[in-house]
Structures are given as C-alpha cells and as structure tokens.
Amino acid sequence: MSVLPASSREWHLVARPHGWPVPADFALRETPVTEPAEGRVLVRNLHFSVDPYMRGRMNDVKSYIPPFKLDRPMDGGAVGEVVASNAEGFAVGDHVLHGLGWREYAEVPAQLATKVDPELAPLSAYLGVLGMTGLTAYAGLFEVASFKEGDAVFVSGAAGAVGSQVGQMARLKGASRVIGSAGSDEKVKWLVEELGFDAAFNYKAGAVRDQLREAAPDGIDVYFDNVGGDHLEAAISSLNVHGRATICGMIAQYNDTEPVPGPRNMAMIIGKRLRLQGVLVGDHYGLQQQFVEEVGGWLRSGELKYGETFVEGIENGVDAFLGMLRGDNTGKMIVSATR
C-alpha cells in the first residue's frame, strides 16, 4: 500500500448564492485522508470539471439533480489515479473516471468508478469530448433534435464544451450549413477557422436576431440552445417549418434573481409546427457505446477537434467556475487538482 498524505483539500459550499456566486459562498477546507473502506478505492484527482449545471445545484430547490449541501464537499466529474484500493478489479495505478470532483483525494465506491485508458486519449478528454459533455452534444443533436443530412444548424454558446462538439458533429454528418454564436471575436475565428463552422458571430457585436438572419438567410432547421434569452427568441424567428430545438442550457439566466420573460415570439411555434425539447444526458446513456465508437473514430482521424481551458491548482477551482460562467473558457473548463 502506498504512503498516503495526511490531508486533502476540498471545496465546500458555505452559502447559497443570490444572483452571481461570489468567492465568499465557498470555502477550501482540509479533511483527513484514510485508507479506503471495503469495496472502495482512494483516487488522487488529476483533473475535475466545472460545468454550468452546477450553478443550479447551489440553489436549495427541487430539480433533476439534488442540490449541493452546505458545509459539505461539492461534487462533479473527475478523473484520477487510484492510490489505494480495497476493491476487487482495481489496482494502484489504474486511472478512473468518477463523480467526486472538487477535491484532491476522493474515496470512491468501486461501482461508481469507471476505468479509463490514458493511452487512448488524454485523461482530461474523458471529462469533455469523450465524457458527459460529448455525450450531451451527441444525444442532443442526433436523438433529441432528430438531425438529418441537409439540415441547417445553429448552435448558441458554440465555443463552449458542448456547443463546439455539436457544430462539428453536424458538419461531419452532412449539415447544409452550421452557424455558431460566441462571446468574442477570437472565439468566432476559432469556430470558423479551426472547427469548420460555415459562419459564426459575436453576440455582443449586435442584435442576435439580425446577425442570425444574415448568417442563415434561408433559415435553420435545428437549433441547439445553450444560452436561452435573446438567442432562443432569434432561433424561433429563423427556424423553418417543422424545425427542432434542443434546449440544453440557458446560461444567460442562471444568475438572474427575478423571473425572466420568455421569448416574445412563441406564437410562431404553432404556425411553423416547431418542436422544442429539453435534454438531460442521463436519459441517453443507452447511446454510450455508439457515442464512444463514433466520436473516438473522429478523434483518431483528426476530423473532430476539441478545446480545453485548464486552470492549475485546486485553490483556483472557484475562480475557474466563475470564469466558466462568464465565458472565459474556450471548449471545456478543467481544473488540474494536483499540487
């Protein structure tokens, strides 16, 4: 058995945010590290994920996933190395994906740890393009939006972890046109020049509705929504008859303290016979094998690219989370937890 550290640092939620979270809502605390109990493994987290959905878990409301508890460690996707094992089938040195992020060391029940191979892809990729965000993109586009060859696709938040994959997957499957929105000229350039989007625009540079109409003069057939607000309203205006929208996220509204009015043009849903449907990745794990095989092939061939923004050090975990909410990341925002 390897020598274990005396303690591990972990992030706790100590206050429910009102509006935008602030650093005082969180505390970095030390906890003792012990040998894993029977049926468990002790994992040294190498990387953990910060994601938009975590903002909702900071509110004490009933939702599809339980809220974070106050004065307890937060959790989320993480990948790391087994440093002690008391579970059959896991050995010291194995690399695993699990759900106990936001901490340096995690004692993980063996049934909740999935072995991953660092030879097939960088470990961080299992948190993004080959992980939950990649499967969200895949299921949301192909199963929920019923994408078909020849569709014109608009993706909001297109430079983020999910959006950047959606646009490329649509292109690889024969979209007639792929349009993305992002929050900076640099991200717009990345989408078009690196990821192969046909058009992209900076939503801060003018009205979303006008920029979308210019980018998609013949309308769109599929909208993948990561933003909500004015983007959803603009998409409803541009969707063609029998258009489909996958509602994945509404990051523009996550920190609002007052109810936000819905799109003003929802009557168009009737005449255009539109379908708007939410997506939760947990409903689509049946696609996992197909997803890994197809996306893995695209990665190996170089046809699909992915971006990652790394923040070093667990002590900067909250800064990384707040930066992700502001849109500081290109692709997946990841915290490298080791010291």
Protein backbone atom coordinates (compact mmCIF):
# COMPACT_ATOMS: atom_id res chain seq x y z
CA MET A 1 0.00 0.00 0.00
CA SER A 2 1.39 3.41 -0.96
CA VAL A 3 2.04 6.12 1.62
CA LEU A 4 -0.97 8.39 1.77
CA PRO A 5 -0.98 12.12 2.50
CA ALA A 6 -2.31 13.23 5.87
CA SER A 7 -4.98 15.51 4.41
CA SER A 8 -6.82 16.55 1.29
CA ARG A 9 -8.21 19.93 0.30
CA GLU A 10 -11.81 20.12 -0.87
CA TRP A 11 -14.23 22.88 -1.84
CA HIS A 12 -17.38 23.32 0.28
CA LEU A 13 -20.42 25.43 -0.47
CA VAL A 14 -20.95 27.56 2.65
CA ALA A 15 -23.74 29.91 1.49
CA ARG A 16 -26.47 29.79 -1.15
CA PRO A 17 -25.62 32.36 -3.84
CA HIS A 18 -28.12 35.12 -4.56
CA GLY A 19 -27.60 36.05 -8.17
CA TRP A 20 -23.99 35.70 -9.25
CA PRO A 21 -21.93 33.49 -6.91
CA VAL A 22 -19.10 35.23 -5.07
CA PRO A 23 -15.93 33.71 -3.56
CA ALA A 24 -17.36 34.11 -0.04
CA ASP A 25 -20.01 31.49 -0.90
CA PHE A 26 -17.27 28.84 -0.92
CA ALA A 27 -14.53 27.61 1.41
CA LEU A 28 -11.46 25.47 0.71
CA ARG A 29 -11.11 23.11 3.67
CA GLU A 30 -8.79 20.29 4.72
CA THR A 31 -10.02 16.82 5.57
CA PRO A 32 -8.08 13.74 6.76
CA VAL A 33 -7.13 11.07 4.22
CA THR A 34 -7.61 7.46 5.33
CA GLU A 35 -7.33 4.03 3.74
CA PRO A 36 -10.40 3.21 1.63
CA ALA A 37 -13.19 1.16 3.19
CA GLU A 38 -14.17 -2.22 1.79
CA GLY A 39 -15.42 -2.01 -1.77
CA ARG A 40 -13.90 1.43 -2.31
CA VAL A 41 -10.85 2.99 -3.92
CA LEU A 42 -8.90 6.09 -2.98
CA VAL A 43 -8.30 8.29 -6.01
CA ARG A 44 -5.88 11.18 -6.38
CA ASN A 45 -7.81 13.52 -8.62
CA LEU A 46 -5.73 14.81 -11.51
CA HIS A 47 -8.48 16.88 -13.16
CA PHE A 48 -12.02 17.86 -12.27
CA SER A 49 -14.77 19.51 -14.24
CA VAL A 50 -16.65 22.74 -13.62
CA ASP A 51 -19.92 22.97 -15.56
CA PRO A 52 -22.88 25.35 -15.95
CA TYR A 53 -25.36 22.90 -14.39
CA MET A 54 -23.50 23.22 -11.08
CA ARG A 55 -24.87 26.74 -10.64
CA GLY A 56 -28.39 25.31 -10.33
CA ARG A 57 -27.24 22.83 -7.70
CA MET A 58 -26.18 25.75 -5.49
CA ASN A 59 -29.84 26.71 -5.04
CA ASP A 60 -31.95 24.86 -2.49
CA VAL A 61 -34.66 23.88 -4.93
CA LYS A 62 -36.04 20.57 -6.15
CA SER A 63 -34.63 19.68 -9.55
CA TYR A 64 -33.50 16.75 -11.68
CA ILE A 65 -30.36 16.50 -9.53
CA PRO A 66 -30.14 17.15 -5.76
CA PRO A 67 -28.72 20.49 -4.61
CA PHE A 68 -25.28 20.75 -3.06
CA LYS A 69 -25.40 20.54 0.73
CA LEU A 70 -23.99 23.40 2.75
CA ASP A 71 -20.69 22.78 4.54
CA ARG A 72 -20.16 19.59 2.58
CA PRO A 73 -17.80 18.96 -0.35
CA MET A 74 -19.27 19.70 -3.76
CA ASP A 75 -19.08 17.03 -6.42
CA GLY A 76 -18.83 16.66 -10.19
CA GLY A 77 -16.90 14.82 -12.84
CA ALA A 78 -13.27 13.97 -12.07
CA VAL A 79 -10.54 11.74 -13.41
CA GLY A 80 -7.58 10.50 -11.42
CA GLU A 81 -5.23 7.74 -10.33
CA VAL A 82 -6.01 5.01 -7.83
CA VAL A 83 -3.53 5.33 -4.95
CA ALA A 84 -5.10 2.73 -2.64
CA SER A 85 -7.64 0.00 -3.36
CA ASN A 86 -9.89 -2.13 -1.20
CA ALA A 87 -12.00 -3.25 -4.15
CA GLU A 88 -11.69 -6.22 -6.45
CA GLY A 89 -10.78 -5.29 -10.00
CA PHE A 90 -8.99 -2.05 -9.16
CA ALA A 91 -5.26 -1.75 -8.60
CA VAL A 92 -2.97 1.06 -7.56
CA GLY A 93 -2.02 2.94 -10.70
CA ASP A 94 -5.34 2.44 -12.51
CA HIS A 95 -6.91 5.60 -13.93
CA VAL A 96 -10.62 6.10 -13.28
CA LEU A 97 -13.46 8.47 -14.08
CA HIS A 98 -15.89 9.20 -11.24
CA GLY A 99 -18.22 11.82 -9.79
CA LEU A 100 -16.38 13.09 -6.71
CA GLY A 101 -14.61 16.16 -8.01
CA TRP A 102 -13.86 19.48 -6.31
CA ARG A 103 -11.29 17.73 -4.05
CA GLU A 104 -7.72 16.45 -4.20
CA TYR A 105 -8.41 12.91 -2.95
CA ALA A 106 -11.70 11.04 -3.24
CA GLU A 107 -12.82 7.78 -1.65
CA VAL A 108 -15.00 6.33 -4.38
CA PRO A 109 -17.31 3.30 -4.26
CA ALA A 110 -15.92 0.87 -6.83
CA GLN A 111 -19.25 0.56 -8.65
CA LEU A 112 -19.16 4.32 -9.31
CA ALA A 113 -15.64 4.32 -10.79
CA THR A 114 -15.01 3.63 -14.47
CA LYS A 115 -11.57 2.66 -15.70
CA VAL A 116 -10.21 4.86 -18.50
CA ASP A 117 -7.17 4.39 -20.70
CA PRO A 118 -4.71 7.31 -20.92
CA GLU A 119 -3.20 5.65 -23.98
CA LEU A 120 -6.40 6.09 -25.99
CA ALA A 121 -6.91 9.76 -25.15
CA PRO A 122 -5.59 12.36 -22.69
CA LEU A 123 -7.25 11.87 -19.31
CA SER A 124 -8.89 15.30 -19.47
CA ALA A 125 -10.75 14.25 -22.63
CA TYR A 126 -12.86 11.85 -20.54
CA LEU A 127 -14.36 14.90 -18.80
CA GLY A 128 -15.25 16.58 -22.08
CA VAL A 129 -15.25 15.32 -25.63
CA LEU A 130 -15.37 11.63 -24.57
CA GLY A 131 -17.37 12.30 -21.40
CA MET A 132 -20.65 13.81 -20.26
CA THR A 133 -20.39 16.94 -22.40
CA GLY A 134 -19.60 14.97 -25.54
CA LEU A 135 -22.49 12.59 -24.97
CA THR A 136 -24.79 15.56 -24.29
CA ALA A 137 -23.85 17.03 -27.66
CA TYR A 138 -24.26 13.69 -29.44
CA ALA A 139 -27.61 12.78 -27.89
CA GLY A 140 -28.99 16.30 -28.07
CA LEU A 141 -28.25 16.64 -31.76
CA PHE A 142 -28.97 13.18 -33.12
CA GLU A 143 -31.65 11.81 -30.79
CA VAL A 144 -33.45 14.85 -29.38
CA ALA A 145 -33.22 17.19 -32.39
CA SER A 146 -33.60 14.33 -34.88
CA PHE A 147 -30.84 15.80 -37.04
CA LYS A 148 -30.78 14.62 -40.64
CA GLU A 149 -28.40 15.20 -43.51
CA GLY A 150 -29.00 18.55 -45.20
CA ASP A 151 -30.26 20.34 -42.06
CA ALA A 152 -29.04 23.86 -41.36
CA VAL A 153 -27.95 24.05 -37.71
CA PHE A 154 -27.49 26.99 -35.33
CA VAL A 155 -25.64 26.49 -32.05
CA SER A 156 -25.53 29.09 -29.29
CA GLY A 157 -22.62 29.10 -26.87
CA ALA A 158 -20.81 27.40 -29.74
CA ALA A 159 -17.30 27.84 -28.33
CA GLY A 160 -18.19 26.02 -25.12
CA ALA A 161 -17.63 22.37 -24.29
CA VAL A 162 -20.97 21.13 -25.65
CA GLY A 163 -21.59 23.66 -28.41
CA SER A 164 -18.21 23.22 -30.05
CA GLN A 165 -18.89 19.48 -30.40
CA VAL A 166 -22.45 19.92 -31.67
CA GLY A 167 -21.37 22.08 -34.58
CA GLN A 168 -18.62 19.70 -35.66
CA MET A 169 -20.85 16.63 -35.35
CA ALA A 170 -23.48 18.31 -37.51
CA ARG A 171 -20.86 19.14 -40.14
CA LEU A 172 -19.47 15.60 -40.11
CA LYS A 173 -22.98 14.19 -40.61
CA GLY A 174 -23.75 16.36 -43.63
CA ALA A 175 -25.35 19.58 -42.40
CA SER A 176 -26.01 22.04 -45.21
CA ARG A 177 -24.84 24.92 -43.01
CA VAL A 178 -23.52 25.24 -39.43
CA ILE A 179 -23.73 28.59 -37.63
CA GLY A 180 -22.46 29.41 -34.15
CA SER A 181 -22.62 32.30 -31.72
CA ALA A 182 -19.87 33.13 -29.23
CA GLY A 183 -18.86 35.95 -26.95
CA SER A 184 -15.64 37.22 -28.55
CA ASP A 185 -14.13 37.78 -31.97
CA GLU A 186 -11.34 35.36 -31.03
CA LYS A 187 -13.86 32.57 -30.37
CA VAL A 188 -15.69 33.35 -33.60
CA LYS A 189 -12.40 32.98 -35.50
CA TRP A 190 -11.71 29.64 -33.76
CA LEU A 191 -15.13 28.29 -34.72
CA VAL A 192 -14.77 29.13 -38.41
CA GLU A 193 -11.05 28.61 -39.00
CA GLU A 194 -10.35 25.66 -36.69
CA LEU A 195 -13.64 23.82 -36.22
CA GLY A 196 -15.11 24.28 -39.69
CA PHE A 197 -18.29 26.22 -38.89
CA ASP A 198 -19.68 27.85 -42.04
CA ALA A 199 -20.44 31.08 -40.17
CA ALA A 200 -20.23 32.46 -36.65
CA PHE A 201 -20.91 35.78 -34.98
CA ASN A 202 -20.11 37.65 -31.78
CA TYR A 203 -23.42 38.08 -29.98
CA LYS A 204 -22.02 41.15 -28.20
CA ALA A 205 -21.49 42.93 -31.52
CA GLY A 206 -25.16 43.42 -32.41
CA ALA A 207 -28.69 42.06 -32.14
CA VAL A 208 -28.66 38.26 -32.22
CA ARG A 209 -31.77 38.13 -34.43
CA ASP A 210 -30.18 40.35 -37.09
CA GLN A 211 -26.83 38.55 -37.04
CA LEU A 212 -28.52 35.14 -37.28
CA ARG A 213 -30.65 36.22 -40.23
CA GLU A 214 -27.53 37.41 -42.03
CA ALA A 215 -25.67 34.17 -41.27
CA ALA A 216 -28.64 31.95 -42.21
CA PRO A 217 -30.61 33.75 -44.92
CA ASP A 218 -32.51 30.55 -45.77
CA GLY A 219 -33.40 29.86 -42.15
CA ILE A 220 -32.38 26.99 -39.88
CA ASP A 221 -33.77 23.52 -39.30
CA VAL A 222 -32.15 22.73 -35.95
CA TYR A 223 -31.29 24.98 -33.02
CA PHE A 224 -29.10 23.72 -30.18
CA ASP A 225 -29.65 26.07 -27.25
CA ASN A 226 -27.02 26.59 -24.57
CA VAL A 227 -27.91 30.21 -23.79
CA GLY A 228 -31.65 30.95 -23.83
CA GLY A 229 -32.90 34.53 -23.76
CA ASP A 230 -32.45 36.54 -26.94
CA HIS A 231 -30.78 33.57 -28.65
CA LEU A 232 -33.88 31.40 -28.25
CA GLU A 233 -36.12 34.20 -29.47
CA ALA A 234 -33.90 34.73 -32.52
CA ALA A 235 -33.83 31.00 -33.26
CA ILE A 236 -37.64 30.72 -33.16
CA SER A 237 -37.79 33.50 -35.76
CA SER A 238 -35.24 31.76 -38.02
CA LEU A 239 -36.45 28.16 -37.65
CA ASN A 240 -38.10 26.76 -40.76
CA VAL A 241 -41.37 24.84 -40.76
CA HIS A 242 -41.03 21.64 -38.72
CA GLY A 243 -37.81 22.93 -37.17
CA ARG A 244 -36.49 21.35 -33.97
CA ALA A 245 -34.76 22.90 -31.00
CA THR A 246 -32.82 21.04 -28.32
CA ILE A 247 -32.85 23.03 -25.09
CA CYS A 248 -29.63 22.05 -23.33
CA GLY A 249 -28.85 25.10 -21.20
CA MET A 250 -29.85 28.68 -20.51
CA ILE A 251 -26.69 30.10 -19.03
CA ALA A 252 -27.84 33.67 -19.71
CA GLN A 253 -30.46 33.23 -16.97
CA TYR A 254 -28.72 31.10 -14.34
CA ASN A 255 -27.78 34.03 -12.12
CA ASP A 256 -30.93 36.14 -12.53
CA THR A 257 -32.72 36.97 -9.31
CA GLU A 258 -36.05 37.83 -10.93
CA PRO A 259 -38.17 35.73 -13.32
CA VAL A 260 -37.16 36.23 -16.92
CA PRO A 261 -39.87 36.73 -19.57
CA GLY A 262 -39.98 34.06 -22.25
CA PRO A 263 -39.41 34.72 -25.95
CA ARG A 264 -41.91 37.25 -27.30
CA ASN A 265 -42.49 35.29 -30.50
CA MET A 266 -43.63 31.94 -29.15
CA ALA A 267 -46.82 32.09 -31.24
CA MET A 268 -44.56 31.19 -34.18
CA ILE A 269 -44.22 27.72 -32.68
CA ILE A 270 -47.78 27.00 -33.78
CA GLY A 271 -47.65 28.09 -37.40
CA LYS A 272 -44.20 26.62 -38.00
CA ARG A 273 -45.09 23.41 -36.12
CA LEU A 274 -41.84 23.63 -34.19
CA ARG A 275 -40.62 21.09 -31.64
CA LEU A 276 -38.69 22.36 -28.61
CA GLN A 277 -37.40 19.66 -26.28
CA GLY A 278 -35.09 19.65 -23.29
CA VAL A 279 -32.18 17.26 -22.97
CA LEU A 280 -30.61 15.66 -19.91
CA VAL A 281 -27.66 13.40 -20.60
CA GLY A 282 -28.82 10.86 -18.01
CA ASP A 283 -31.70 9.88 -20.29
CA HIS A 284 -29.33 8.82 -23.06
CA TYR A 285 -26.71 6.53 -21.54
CA GLY A 286 -28.00 3.83 -23.88
CA LEU A 287 -26.09 5.67 -26.62
CA GLN A 288 -22.80 5.43 -24.72
CA GLN A 289 -21.18 2.63 -26.73
CA GLN A 290 -22.28 4.05 -30.08
CA PHE A 291 -21.10 7.51 -28.99
CA VAL A 292 -17.64 6.36 -27.90
CA GLU A 293 -17.13 4.32 -31.06
CA GLU A 294 -18.18 7.07 -33.46
CA VAL A 295 -16.62 10.02 -31.67
CA GLY A 296 -13.48 8.02 -30.90
CA GLY A 297 -13.14 7.35 -34.61
CA TRP A 298 -13.50 11.04 -35.45
CA LEU A 299 -10.85 11.90 -32.86
CA ARG A 300 -8.39 9.31 -34.17
CA SER A 301 -8.85 10.52 -37.75
CA GLY A 302 -8.45 14.15 -36.72
CA GLU A 303 -11.87 15.02 -38.13
CA LEU A 304 -13.17 16.25 -34.77
CA LYS A 305 -11.24 18.74 -32.67
CA TYR A 306 -11.81 19.89 -29.13
CA GLY A 307 -10.74 22.78 -26.97
CA GLU A 308 -9.78 22.74 -23.31
CA THR A 309 -9.09 25.59 -20.92
CA PHE A 310 -7.01 24.49 -17.93
CA VAL A 311 -6.82 26.22 -14.56
CA GLU A 312 -3.96 24.90 -12.44
CA GLY A 313 -4.41 24.18 -8.73
CA ILE A 314 -7.42 23.22 -6.67
CA GLU A 315 -7.14 26.53 -4.84
CA ASN A 316 -8.26 28.18 -8.09
CA GLY A 317 -11.30 25.92 -8.54
CA VAL A 318 -13.90 28.56 -7.69
CA ASP A 319 -12.17 31.11 -9.91
CA ALA A 320 -12.38 28.58 -12.74
CA PHE A 321 -16.08 28.02 -12.09
CA LEU A 322 -16.87 31.73 -12.05
CA GLY A 323 -14.76 32.22 -15.16
CA MET A 324 -16.73 29.49 -16.94
CA LEU A 325 -19.99 31.28 -16.08
CA ARG A 326 -18.53 34.47 -17.58
CA GLY A 327 -17.46 32.62 -20.73
CA ASP A 328 -13.70 32.86 -20.13
CA ASN A 329 -13.18 29.32 -21.46
CA THR A 330 -12.78 28.03 -24.98
CA GLY A 331 -14.06 24.46 -25.02
CA LYS A 332 -14.11 22.55 -21.73
CA MET A 333 -13.11 24.29 -18.50
CA ILE A 334 -11.00 21.91 -16.41
CA VAL A 335 -9.24 22.30 -13.08
CA SER A 336 -6.00 20.39 -12.62
CA ALA A 337 -6.20 19.50 -8.96
CA THR A 338 -2.72 18.27 -8.04
CA ARG A 339 -0.15 20.21 -6.01
